[in-house]
Amino acid sequence: MRHIYSCPLRWSDMDAFGHVNNVVFLRYLEEARIDFMFRLAPGDGSPSFSGGSVVARHEIDYVRPLVHRHEPVTIESWVTKIGAASLTIAYEIKDPDVTYVRASTVVVPFDLEAQRPRRISAEEREFLQEYVDDGMTSGGAKSAA
């Protein structure tokens, strides 16, 4: 299963060439990741993902330029790896027939009080397992993972 996030484009996202600036795509990925990890986290009152997390790595492939428009762009997110103390989320920023960006982020759960990384809890692992995907799109193209 994949998480779907509809991301609005802002006028300020453009560069001098009328394309969404490459740095802005990191913000788009962050919006989709936060929507996935925090708003979809298990149950009311669950401590899952509430202690914080840090980004350990981003990898981005810019496939096509995205020009500003009024319609939002779709960001599909899924989990490609779950370790003891990290997970990898892959993304595609796309329209139904065009992919603009393929990316991945390594996220490390973080204990804010102790100021150190922590292990993924059993509840978090169970939630993440539902979003593990092999990265194959319906068209058969392999996504960056």
Protein backbone atom coordinates (compact mmCIF):
# COMPACT_ATOMS: atom_id res chain seq x y z
CA MET A 1 0.00 0.00 0.00
CA ARG A 2 1.14 3.56 -0.66
CA HIS A 3 0.34 6.79 1.13
CA ILE A 4 -1.08 9.45 -1.21
CA TYR A 5 -0.58 13.15 -0.47
CA SER A 6 -1.95 15.98 -2.58
CA CYS A 7 0.61 18.79 -2.47
CA PRO A 8 -0.33 22.33 -3.53
CA LEU A 9 2.20 24.35 -5.51
CA ARG A 10 2.98 27.87 -4.34
CA TRP A 11 3.98 30.84 -6.49
CA SER A 12 7.13 31.22 -4.39
CA ASP A 13 8.17 27.63 -5.28
CA MET A 14 9.33 28.71 -8.74
CA ASP A 15 12.84 29.54 -9.84
CA ALA A 16 13.82 32.14 -12.47
CA PHE A 17 13.00 29.64 -15.25
CA GLY A 18 9.39 29.10 -14.10
CA HIS A 19 10.10 25.60 -12.74
CA VAL A 20 9.64 24.42 -9.18
CA ASN A 21 13.08 24.97 -7.62
CA ASN A 22 15.05 21.82 -6.81
CA VAL A 23 15.32 22.72 -3.11
CA VAL A 24 11.53 23.09 -2.84
CA PHE A 25 11.12 19.39 -3.62
CA LEU A 26 12.68 18.65 -0.20
CA ARG A 27 9.84 20.64 1.38
CA TYR A 28 7.30 18.67 -0.64
CA LEU A 29 8.85 15.39 0.56
CA GLU A 30 8.78 16.67 4.14
CA GLU A 31 5.08 17.56 3.88
CA ALA A 32 4.23 14.10 2.54
CA ARG A 33 6.44 12.35 5.13
CA ILE A 34 4.91 14.24 8.06
CA ASP A 35 1.40 13.55 6.76
CA PHE A 36 2.32 9.87 6.51
CA MET A 37 4.18 9.40 9.81
CA PHE A 38 2.19 11.65 12.12
CA ARG A 39 -1.36 12.04 10.85
CA LEU A 40 -1.63 8.38 9.87
CA ALA A 41 0.18 7.02 12.92
CA PRO A 42 -1.81 4.42 14.87
CA GLY A 43 -4.66 5.39 17.19
CA ASP A 44 -5.52 8.41 19.27
CA GLY A 45 -3.16 8.85 22.18
CA SER A 46 -0.55 6.57 20.62
CA PRO A 47 3.03 7.60 21.35
CA SER A 48 4.13 6.32 17.91
CA PHE A 49 6.40 8.77 16.10
CA SER A 50 5.53 11.48 18.63
CA GLY A 51 8.98 11.49 20.24
CA GLY A 52 10.58 12.92 17.15
CA SER A 53 12.63 11.75 14.24
CA VAL A 54 15.60 13.00 12.27
CA VAL A 55 16.51 12.71 8.62
CA ALA A 56 19.77 10.85 8.12
CA ARG A 57 19.83 10.89 4.32
CA HIS A 58 17.97 12.19 1.26
CA GLU A 59 18.43 10.91 -2.27
CA ILE A 60 16.63 12.66 -5.14
CA ASP A 61 16.42 11.99 -8.85
CA TYR A 62 14.96 14.91 -10.79
CA VAL A 63 13.22 13.28 -13.74
CA ARG A 64 11.32 16.20 -15.34
CA PRO A 65 10.78 19.87 -14.57
CA LEU A 66 7.55 20.77 -12.81
CA VAL A 67 6.08 24.15 -13.74
CA HIS A 68 3.84 26.18 -11.47
CA ARG A 69 0.09 25.62 -11.85
CA HIS A 70 -3.05 25.76 -9.75
CA GLU A 71 -3.59 21.98 -9.53
CA PRO A 72 -1.72 20.11 -6.77
CA VAL A 73 0.82 17.43 -7.55
CA THR A 74 0.50 13.91 -6.11
CA ILE A 75 3.18 12.47 -3.84
CA GLU A 76 3.10 8.71 -3.36
CA SER A 77 5.11 7.43 -0.37
CA TRP A 78 5.93 3.91 0.75
CA VAL A 79 8.40 2.10 2.97
CA THR A 80 11.25 0.19 1.35
CA LYS A 81 13.22 -0.79 4.45
CA ILE A 82 12.58 -1.12 8.18
CA GLY A 83 15.64 -1.59 10.37
CA ALA A 84 16.04 -1.74 14.14
CA ALA A 85 16.50 2.01 14.45
CA SER A 86 15.79 3.46 11.00
CA LEU A 87 13.43 3.25 8.08
CA THR A 88 13.60 4.23 4.44
CA ILE A 89 10.70 5.98 2.76
CA ALA A 90 10.56 6.18 -1.05
CA TYR A 91 8.54 8.74 -2.97
CA GLU A 92 7.34 9.65 -6.41
CA ILE A 93 6.15 13.19 -7.12
CA LYS A 94 3.85 12.80 -10.08
CA ASP A 95 0.75 13.33 -12.12
CA PRO A 96 -1.13 10.31 -13.47
CA ASP A 97 1.01 10.16 -16.63
CA VAL A 98 4.24 11.98 -15.65
CA THR A 99 6.80 11.44 -12.88
CA TYR A 100 8.78 14.55 -11.89
CA VAL A 101 10.88 13.24 -8.99
CA ARG A 102 11.86 9.90 -7.47
CA ALA A 103 13.38 10.13 -4.02
CA SER A 104 14.09 8.35 -0.77
CA THR A 105 14.73 9.40 2.82
CA VAL A 106 16.33 7.50 5.67
CA VAL A 107 14.51 8.47 8.87
CA VAL A 108 15.79 7.72 12.38
CA PRO A 109 13.36 7.82 15.34
CA PHE A 110 14.80 10.15 17.96
CA ASP A 111 14.37 10.39 21.73
CA LEU A 112 14.16 14.15 22.29
CA GLU A 113 14.58 13.88 26.06
CA ALA A 114 17.72 11.72 25.88
CA GLN A 115 18.92 13.48 22.71
CA ARG A 116 19.77 10.24 20.93
CA PRO A 117 18.38 7.86 18.33
CA ARG A 118 15.98 5.19 19.53
CA ARG A 119 14.71 1.87 18.24
CA ILE A 120 11.51 1.52 16.23
CA SER A 121 8.71 0.34 18.54
CA ALA A 122 6.58 -2.74 17.84
CA GLU A 123 3.53 -0.53 17.21
CA GLU A 124 5.47 1.65 14.75
CA ARG A 125 6.84 -1.44 12.96
CA GLU A 126 3.31 -2.88 12.62
CA PHE A 127 2.07 0.43 11.14
CA LEU A 128 5.03 0.70 8.74
CA GLN A 129 4.66 -2.91 7.53
CA GLU A 130 1.36 -1.99 5.91
CA TYR A 131 3.22 0.46 3.64
CA VAL A 132 6.12 -1.78 2.61
CA ASP A 133 6.18 -1.85 -1.18
CA ASP A 134 8.64 -3.32 -3.67
CA GLY A 135 8.73 0.01 -5.53
CA MET A 136 7.07 -1.28 -8.69
CA THR A 137 4.58 1.15 -10.20
CA SER A 138 1.52 0.04 -12.11
CA GLY A 139 3.44 0.73 -15.32
CA GLY A 140 6.17 -1.66 -14.22
CA ALA A 141 8.89 0.97 -13.84
CA LYS A 142 11.16 0.52 -10.84
CA SER A 143 11.28 3.47 -8.43
CA ALA A 144 14.38 4.71 -6.68
CA ALA A 145 14.59 3.12 -3.27
